[in-house]
PDB file of N, CA and C in Angstrom:
ATOM      1  N   MET A   1    -118.514 -40.146 -84.033  1.00  0.00           N
ATOM      2  CA  MET A   1    -119.948 -40.211 -83.953  1.00  0.00           C
ATOM      3  C   MET A   1    -120.408 -40.328 -82.506  1.00  0.00           C
ATOM      4  N   LYS A   2    -119.600 -40.978 -81.714  1.00  0.00           N
ATOM      5  CA  LYS A   2    -119.919 -41.160 -80.299  1.00  0.00           C
ATOM      6  C   LYS A   2    -120.150 -39.799 -79.626  1.00  0.00           C
ATOM      7  N   GLU A   3    -119.260 -38.860 -79.872  1.00  0.00           N
ATOM      8  CA  GLU A   3    -119.355 -37.534 -79.271  1.00  0.00           C
ATOM      9  C   GLU A   3    -120.576 -36.773 -79.802  1.00  0.00           C
ATOM     10  N   PHE A   4    -120.893 -36.972 -81.070  1.00  0.00           N
ATOM     11  CA  PHE A   4    -122.046 -36.326 -81.692  1.00  0.00           C
ATOM     12  C   PHE A   4    -123.336 -36.746 -80.992  1.00  0.00           C
ATOM     13  N   VAL A   5    -123.515 -38.037 -80.802  1.00  0.00           N
ATOM     14  CA  VAL A   5    -124.719 -38.561 -80.152  1.00  0.00           C
ATOM     15  C   VAL A   5    -124.767 -38.096 -78.701  1.00  0.00           C
ATOM     16  N   GLU A   6    -123.637 -38.156 -78.030  1.00  0.00           N
ATOM     17  CA  GLU A   6    -123.573 -37.741 -76.629  1.00  0.00           C
ATOM     18  C   GLU A   6    -123.993 -36.280 -76.464  1.00  0.00           C
ATOM     19  N   LYS A   7    -123.506 -35.424 -77.331  1.00  0.00           N
ATOM     20  CA  LYS A   7    -123.837 -34.002 -77.258  1.00  0.00           C
ATOM     21  C   LYS A   7    -125.329 -33.770 -77.499  1.00  0.00           C
ATOM     22  N   LEU A   8    -125.901 -34.444 -78.487  1.00  0.00           N
ATOM     23  CA  LEU A   8    -127.327 -34.302 -78.777  1.00  0.00           C
ATOM     24  C   LEU A   8    -128.188 -34.744 -77.598  1.00  0.00           C
ATOM     25  N   VAL A   9    -127.875 -35.902 -77.056  1.00  0.00           N
ATOM     26  CA  VAL A   9    -128.688 -36.469 -75.975  1.00  0.00           C
ATOM     27  C   VAL A   9    -128.573 -35.628 -74.708  1.00  0.00           C
ATOM     28  N   LYS A  10    -127.409 -35.098 -74.426  1.00  0.00           N
ATOM     29  CA  LYS A  10    -127.241 -34.267 -73.231  1.00  0.00           C
ATOM     30  C   LYS A  10    -128.127 -33.027 -73.266  1.00  0.00           C
ATOM     31  N   GLU A  11    -128.478 -32.559 -74.441  1.00  0.00           N
ATOM     32  CA  GLU A  11    -129.358 -31.405 -74.571  1.00  0.00           C
ATOM     33  C   GLU A  11    -130.828 -31.769 -74.329  1.00  0.00           C
ATOM     34  N   ILE A  12    -131.154 -33.049 -74.417  1.00  0.00           N
ATOM     35  CA  ILE A  12    -132.537 -33.510 -74.287  1.00  0.00           C
ATOM     36  C   ILE A  12    -132.892 -33.875 -72.846  1.00  0.00           C
ATOM     37  N   VAL A  13    -131.952 -34.477 -72.132  1.00  0.00           N
ATOM     38  CA  VAL A  13    -132.238 -35.076 -70.826  1.00  0.00           C
ATOM     39  C   VAL A  13    -132.114 -34.081 -69.671  1.00  0.00           C
ATOM     40  N   ASP A  14    -132.666 -34.494 -68.510  1.00  0.00           N
ATOM     41  CA  ASP A  14    -132.569 -33.680 -67.294  1.00  0.00           C
ATOM     42  C   ASP A  14    -131.275 -33.937 -66.527  1.00  0.00           C
ATOM     43  N   ARG A  15    -130.703 -35.119 -66.717  1.00  0.00           N
ATOM     44  CA  ARG A  15    -129.480 -35.485 -66.006  1.00  0.00           C
ATOM     45  C   ARG A  15    -128.355 -35.789 -67.012  1.00  0.00           C
ATOM     46  N   PRO A  16    -127.800 -34.755 -67.626  1.00  0.00           N
ATOM     47  CA  PRO A  16    -126.774 -34.966 -68.667  1.00  0.00           C
ATOM     48  C   PRO A  16    -125.499 -35.624 -68.157  1.00  0.00           C
ATOM     49  N   GLU A  17    -125.231 -35.512 -66.870  1.00  0.00           N
ATOM     50  CA  GLU A  17    -124.017 -36.122 -66.329  1.00  0.00           C
ATOM     51  C   GLU A  17    -124.070 -37.652 -66.361  1.00  0.00           C
ATOM     52  N   GLU A  18    -125.263 -38.214 -66.536  1.00  0.00           N
ATOM     53  CA  GLU A  18    -125.408 -39.674 -66.572  1.00  0.00           C
ATOM     54  C   GLU A  18    -125.468 -40.246 -67.987  1.00  0.00           C
ATOM     55  N   VAL A  19    -125.296 -39.397 -68.991  1.00  0.00           N
ATOM     56  CA  VAL A  19    -125.321 -39.862 -70.378  1.00  0.00           C
ATOM     57  C   VAL A  19    -123.980 -40.496 -70.717  1.00  0.00           C
ATOM     58  N   VAL A  20    -124.042 -41.744 -71.181  1.00  0.00           N
ATOM     59  CA  VAL A  20    -122.829 -42.477 -71.575  1.00  0.00           C
ATOM     60  C   VAL A  20    -123.096 -43.119 -72.932  1.00  0.00           C
ATOM     61  N   VAL A  21    -122.175 -42.930 -73.856  1.00  0.00           N
ATOM     62  CA  VAL A  21    -122.267 -43.580 -75.162  1.00  0.00           C
ATOM     63  C   VAL A  21    -121.021 -44.442 -75.323  1.00  0.00           C
ATOM     64  N   GLU A  22    -121.241 -45.729 -75.517  1.00  0.00           N
ATOM     65  CA  GLU A  22    -120.131 -46.660 -75.705  1.00  0.00           C
ATOM     66  C   GLU A  22    -120.153 -47.181 -77.130  1.00  0.00           C
ATOM     67  N   GLU A  23    -118.985 -47.248 -77.729  1.00  0.00           N
ATOM     68  CA  GLU A  23    -118.868 -47.722 -79.106  1.00  0.00           C
ATOM     69  C   GLU A  23    -118.421 -49.175 -79.102  1.00  0.00           C
ATOM     70  N   ASN A  24    -119.189 -50.019 -79.765  1.00  0.00           N
ATOM     71  CA  ASN A  24    -118.887 -51.436 -79.872  1.00  0.00           C
ATOM     72  C   ASN A  24    -118.495 -51.712 -81.320  1.00  0.00           C
ATOM     73  N   LEU A  25    -117.242 -52.074 -81.528  1.00  0.00           N
ATOM     74  CA  LEU A  25    -116.715 -52.246 -82.883  1.00  0.00           C
ATOM     75  C   LEU A  25    -116.615 -53.711 -83.313  1.00  0.00           C
ATOM     76  N   GLU A  26    -117.364 -54.595 -82.656  1.00  0.00           N
ATOM     77  CA  GLU A  26    -117.318 -56.007 -83.036  1.00  0.00           C
ATOM     78  C   GLU A  26    -117.725 -56.211 -84.485  1.00  0.00           C
ATOM     79  N   ASN A  27    -118.768 -55.521 -84.907  1.00  0.00           N
ATOM     80  CA  ASN A  27    -119.212 -55.593 -86.295  1.00  0.00           C
ATOM     81  C   ASN A  27    -118.594 -54.410 -87.032  1.00  0.00           C
ATOM     82  N   VAL A  28    -117.532 -54.631 -87.747  1.00  0.00           N
ATOM     83  CA  VAL A  28    -116.782 -53.559 -88.404  1.00  0.00           C
ATOM     84  C   VAL A  28    -117.626 -52.840 -89.464  1.00  0.00           C
ATOM     85  N   ARG A  29    -118.482 -53.583 -90.146  1.00  0.00           N
ATOM     86  CA  ARG A  29    -119.318 -52.972 -91.186  1.00  0.00           C
ATOM     87  C   ARG A  29    -120.308 -51.960 -90.617  1.00  0.00           C
ATOM     88  N   MET A  30    -120.894 -52.271 -89.462  1.00  0.00           N
ATOM     89  CA  MET A  30    -121.866 -51.383 -88.855  1.00  0.00           C
ATOM     90  C   MET A  30    -121.642 -51.334 -87.343  1.00  0.00           C
ATOM     91  N   PRO A  31    -120.750 -50.431 -86.900  1.00  0.00           N
ATOM     92  CA  PRO A  31    -120.470 -50.326 -85.469  1.00  0.00           C
ATOM     93  C   PRO A  31    -121.743 -49.990 -84.686  1.00  0.00           C
ATOM     94  N   LEU A  32    -121.759 -50.417 -83.443  1.00  0.00           N
ATOM     95  CA  LEU A  32    -122.907 -50.228 -82.577  1.00  0.00           C
ATOM     96  C   LEU A  32    -122.595 -49.155 -81.542  1.00  0.00           C
ATOM     97  N   LEU A  33    -123.499 -48.187 -81.396  1.00  0.00           N
ATOM     98  CA  LEU A  33    -123.382 -47.193 -80.341  1.00  0.00           C
ATOM     99  C   LEU A  33    -124.434 -47.515 -79.291  1.00  0.00           C
ATOM    100  N   GLU A  34    -123.984 -47.777 -78.071  1.00  0.00           N
ATOM    101  CA  GLU A  34    -124.891 -48.092 -76.969  1.00  0.00           C
ATOM    102  C   GLU A  34    -125.066 -46.848 -76.119  1.00  0.00           C
ATOM    103  N   LEU A  35    -126.295 -46.374 -76.019  1.00  0.00           N
ATOM    104  CA  LEU A  35    -126.622 -45.160 -75.282  1.00  0.00           C
ATOM    105  C   LEU A  35    -127.201 -45.531 -73.930  1.00  0.00           C
ATOM    106  N   LYS A  36    -126.610 -44.983 -72.875  1.00  0.00           N
ATOM    107  CA  LYS A  36    -127.104 -45.215 -71.523  1.00  0.00           C
ATOM    108  C   LYS A  36    -127.462 -43.868 -70.906  1.00  0.00           C
ATOM    109  N   VAL A  37    -128.670 -43.789 -70.335  1.00  0.00           N
ATOM    110  CA  VAL A  37    -129.129 -42.569 -69.672  1.00  0.00           C
ATOM    111  C   VAL A  37    -129.772 -42.952 -68.339  1.00  0.00           C
ATOM    112  N   ALA A  38    -130.045 -41.951 -67.509  1.00  0.00           N
ATOM    113  CA  ALA A  38    -130.725 -42.190 -66.236  1.00  0.00           C
ATOM    114  C   ALA A  38    -132.123 -42.741 -66.506  1.00  0.00           C
ATOM    115  N   LYS A  39    -132.622 -43.567 -65.592  1.00  0.00           N
ATOM    116  CA  LYS A  39    -133.948 -44.166 -65.761  1.00  0.00           C
ATOM    117  C   LYS A  39    -135.020 -43.109 -66.009  1.00  0.00           C
ATOM    118  N   GLU A  40    -134.925 -41.983 -65.307  1.00  0.00           N
ATOM    119  CA  GLU A  40    -135.910 -40.907 -65.433  1.00  0.00           C
ATOM    120  C   GLU A  40    -135.906 -40.284 -66.835  1.00  0.00           C
ATOM    121  N   ASP A  41    -134.801 -40.416 -67.541  1.00  0.00           N
ATOM    122  CA  ASP A  41    -134.660 -39.799 -68.860  1.00  0.00           C
ATOM    123  C   ASP A  41    -134.954 -40.754 -70.022  1.00  0.00           C
ATOM    124  N   MET A  42    -135.210 -42.019 -69.726  1.00  0.00           N
ATOM    125  CA  MET A  42    -135.470 -42.994 -70.798  1.00  0.00           C
ATOM    126  C   MET A  42    -136.636 -42.555 -71.681  1.00  0.00           C
ATOM    127  N   GLY A  43    -137.707 -42.094 -71.067  1.00  0.00           N
ATOM    128  CA  GLY A  43    -138.877 -41.663 -71.830  1.00  0.00           C
ATOM    129  C   GLY A  43    -138.577 -40.496 -72.743  1.00  0.00           C
ATOM    130  N   LYS A  44    -137.743 -39.578 -72.285  1.00  0.00           N
ATOM    131  CA  LYS A  44    -137.382 -38.420 -73.102  1.00  0.00           C
ATOM    132  C   LYS A  44    -136.549 -38.837 -74.305  1.00  0.00           C
ATOM    133  N   VAL A  45    -135.662 -39.786 -74.102  1.00  0.00           N
ATOM    134  CA  VAL A  45    -134.779 -40.228 -75.184  1.00  0.00           C
ATOM    135  C   VAL A  45    -135.544 -41.065 -76.210  1.00  0.00           C
ATOM    136  N   ILE A  46    -136.439 -41.915 -75.729  1.00  0.00           N
ATOM    137  CA  ILE A  46    -137.209 -42.760 -76.642  1.00  0.00           C
ATOM    138  C   ILE A  46    -138.336 -41.958 -77.287  1.00  0.00           C
ATOM    139  N   GLY A  47    -139.016 -41.136 -76.500  1.00  0.00           N
ATOM    140  CA  GLY A  47    -140.082 -40.299 -77.031  1.00  0.00           C
ATOM    141  C   GLY A  47    -141.382 -41.057 -77.230  1.00  0.00           C
ATOM    142  N   LYS A  48    -142.418 -40.297 -77.504  1.00  0.00           N
ATOM    143  CA  LYS A  48    -143.731 -40.879 -77.731  1.00  0.00           C
ATOM    144  C   LYS A  48    -143.705 -41.702 -79.008  1.00  0.00           C
ATOM    145  N   ARG A  49    -144.075 -42.975 -78.868  1.00  0.00           N
ATOM    146  CA  ARG A  49    -144.082 -43.927 -79.984  1.00  0.00           C
ATOM    147  C   ARG A  49    -142.713 -44.072 -80.652  1.00  0.00           C
ATOM    148  N   GLY A  50    -141.640 -43.781 -79.909  1.00  0.00           N
ATOM    149  CA  GLY A  50    -140.286 -43.969 -80.432  1.00  0.00           C
ATOM    150  C   GLY A  50    -139.826 -42.889 -81.391  1.00  0.00           C
ATOM    151  N   LYS A  51    -140.530 -41.769 -81.412  1.00  0.00           N
ATOM    152  CA  LYS A  51    -140.193 -40.726 -82.389  1.00  0.00           C
ATOM    153  C   LYS A  51    -138.851 -40.044 -82.108  1.00  0.00           C
ATOM    154  N   MET A  52    -138.509 -39.858 -80.835  1.00  0.00           N
ATOM    155  CA  MET A  52    -137.256 -39.169 -80.510  1.00  0.00           C
ATOM    156  C   MET A  52    -136.047 -40.042 -80.864  1.00  0.00           C
ATOM    157  N   ILE A  53    -136.085 -41.327 -80.494  1.00  0.00           N
ATOM    158  CA  ILE A  53    -134.950 -42.195 -80.818  1.00  0.00           C
ATOM    159  C   ILE A  53    -134.827 -42.365 -82.333  1.00  0.00           C
ATOM    160  N   GLU A  54    -135.942 -42.397 -83.012  1.00  0.00           N
ATOM    161  CA  GLU A  54    -135.910 -42.498 -84.476  1.00  0.00           C
ATOM    162  C   GLU A  54    -135.279 -41.244 -85.086  1.00  0.00           C
ATOM    163  N   ALA A  55    -135.609 -40.079 -84.539  1.00  0.00           N
ATOM    164  CA  ALA A  55    -135.004 -38.829 -85.019  1.00  0.00           C
ATOM    165  C   ALA A  55    -133.494 -38.827 -84.765  1.00  0.00           C
ATOM    166  N   LEU A  56    -133.082 -39.320 -83.597  1.00  0.00           N
ATOM    167  CA  LEU A  56    -131.647 -39.405 -83.295  1.00  0.00           C
ATOM    168  C   LEU A  56    -130.936 -40.336 -84.277  1.00  0.00           C
ATOM    169  N   ARG A  57    -131.588 -41.437 -84.611  1.00  0.00           N
ATOM    170  CA  ARG A  57    -130.995 -42.378 -85.578  1.00  0.00           C
ATOM    171  C   ARG A  57    -130.883 -41.757 -86.964  1.00  0.00           C
ATOM    172  N   ILE A  58    -131.873 -40.970 -87.349  1.00  0.00           N
ATOM    173  CA  ILE A  58    -131.827 -40.299 -88.657  1.00  0.00           C
ATOM    174  C   ILE A  58    -130.688 -39.284 -88.689  1.00  0.00           C
ATOM    175  N   LEU A  59    -130.541 -38.505 -87.618  1.00  0.00           N
ATOM    176  CA  LEU A  59    -129.438 -37.536 -87.550  1.00  0.00           C
ATOM    177  C   LEU A  59    -128.084 -38.236 -87.566  1.00  0.00           C
ATOM    178  N   LEU A  60    -127.992 -39.354 -86.857  1.00  0.00           N
ATOM    179  CA  LEU A  60    -126.748 -40.125 -86.854  1.00  0.00           C
ATOM    180  C   LEU A  60    -126.427 -40.651 -88.250  1.00  0.00           C
ATOM    181  N   ALA A  61    -127.434 -41.135 -88.939  1.00  0.00           N
ATOM    182  CA  ALA A  61    -127.230 -41.647 -90.306  1.00  0.00           C
ATOM    183  C   ALA A  61    -126.754 -40.534 -91.234  1.00  0.00           C
ATOM    184  N   ALA A  62    -127.370 -39.369 -91.109  1.00  0.00           N
ATOM    185  CA  ALA A  62    -126.985 -38.243 -91.963  1.00  0.00           C
ATOM    186  C   ALA A  62    -125.550 -37.795 -91.659  1.00  0.00           C
ATOM    187  N   ALA A  63    -125.207 -37.706 -90.385  1.00  0.00           N
ATOM    188  CA  ALA A  63    -123.863 -37.269 -90.004  1.00  0.00           C
ATOM    189  C   ALA A  63    -122.807 -38.311 -90.372  1.00  0.00           C
ATOM    190  N   SER A  64    -123.154 -39.586 -90.298  1.00  0.00           N
ATOM    191  CA  SER A  64    -122.166 -40.625 -90.582  1.00  0.00           C
ATOM    192  C   SER A  64    -121.896 -40.801 -92.073  1.00  0.00           C
ATOM    193  N   LYS A  65    -122.758 -40.280 -92.915  1.00  0.00           N
ATOM    194  CA  LYS A  65    -122.517 -40.347 -94.370  1.00  0.00           C
ATOM    195  C   LYS A  65    -121.188 -39.680 -94.721  1.00  0.00           C
ATOM    196  N   LYS A  66    -120.846 -38.641 -93.999  1.00  0.00           N
ATOM    197  CA  LYS A  66    -119.601 -37.919 -94.235  1.00  0.00           C
ATOM    198  C   LYS A  66    -118.390 -38.837 -94.031  1.00  0.00           C
ATOM    199  N   HIS A  67    -118.512 -39.760 -93.073  1.00  0.00           N
ATOM    200  CA  HIS A  67    -117.419 -40.683 -92.768  1.00  0.00           C
ATOM    201  C   HIS A  67    -117.542 -41.995 -93.529  1.00  0.00           C
ATOM    202  N   LYS A  68    -118.557 -42.082 -94.372  1.00  0.00           N
ATOM    203  CA  LYS A  68    -118.805 -43.275 -95.193  1.00  0.00           C
ATOM    204  C   LYS A  68    -118.880 -44.547 -94.349  1.00  0.00           C
ATOM    205  N   LYS A  69    -119.577 -44.422 -93.221  1.00  0.00           N
ATOM    206  CA  LYS A  69    -119.741 -45.557 -92.324  1.00  0.00           C
ATOM    207  C   LYS A  69    -121.127 -45.452 -91.693  1.00  0.00           C
ATOM    208  N   GLU A  70    -121.815 -46.583 -91.581  1.00  0.00           N
ATOM    209  CA  GLU A  70    -123.125 -46.594 -90.944  1.00  0.00           C
ATOM    210  C   GLU A  70    -122.978 -47.039 -89.496  1.00  0.00           C
ATOM    211  N   TYR A  71    -123.772 -46.451 -88.621  1.00  0.00           N
ATOM    212  CA  TYR A  71    -123.770 -46.813 -87.208  1.00  0.00           C
ATOM    213  C   TYR A  71    -125.166 -47.252 -86.804  1.00  0.00           C
ATOM    214  N   GLN A  72    -125.206 -48.129 -85.827  1.00  0.00           N
ATOM    215  CA  GLN A  72    -126.470 -48.567 -85.264  1.00  0.00           C
ATOM    216  C   GLN A  72    -126.543 -47.983 -83.849  1.00  0.00           C
ATOM    217  N   LEU A  73    -127.688 -47.387 -83.480  1.00  0.00           N
ATOM    218  CA  LEU A  73    -127.854 -46.768 -82.173  1.00  0.00           C
ATOM    219  C   LEU A  73    -128.919 -47.505 -81.379  1.00  0.00           C
ATOM    220  N   ILE A  74    -128.564 -47.938 -80.175  1.00  0.00           N
ATOM    221  CA  ILE A  74    -129.550 -48.576 -79.299  1.00  0.00           C
ATOM    222  C   ILE A  74    -129.472 -47.924 -77.913  1.00  0.00           C
ATOM    223  N   VAL A  75    -130.599 -47.976 -77.207  1.00  0.00           N
ATOM    224  CA  VAL A  75    -130.662 -47.484 -75.830  1.00  0.00           C
ATOM    225  C   VAL A  75    -130.569 -48.696 -74.922  1.00  0.00           C
ATOM    226  N   VAL A  76    -129.648 -48.652 -73.975  1.00  0.00           N
ATOM    227  CA  VAL A  76    -129.409 -49.771 -73.078  1.00  0.00           C
ATOM    228  C   VAL A  76    -129.824 -49.392 -71.665  1.00  0.00           C
ATOM    229  N   ASP A  77    -130.507 -50.306 -70.978  1.00  0.00           N
ATOM    230  CA  ASP A  77    -130.904 -50.094 -69.592  1.00  0.00           C
ATOM    231  C   ASP A  77    -129.674 -50.190 -68.705  1.00  0.00           C
ATOM    232  N   GLN A  78    -129.547 -49.311 -67.733  1.00  0.00           N
ATOM    233  CA  GLN A  78    -128.345 -49.244 -66.877  1.00  0.00           C
ATOM    234  C   GLN A  78    -128.467 -50.088 -65.614  1.00  0.00           C
ATOM    235  N   ASP A  79    -129.082 -51.219 -65.635  1.00  0.00           N
ATOM    236  CA  ASP A  79    -129.212 -52.041 -64.410  1.00  0.00           C
ATOM    237  C   ASP A  79    -127.950 -52.646 -64.007  1.00  0.00           C
TER     238      ASP A  79
END
């Protein structure tokens, strides 16, 4: 799933080389995917009123059904 999200986000942003998706498996039931992008691309990834990130989460949920596992997607600031 990590690669799936990374590929989608790289198509949206202006600086695809700065897209990083890290998988956090602390919660085995619902692994966490942490998405990091360039500051300039945060608005593109989140979208107006959060519509873009919500769409990414819906696509992730649909794709993860095949693996019978749910993932949580969050955008993390790269400070």
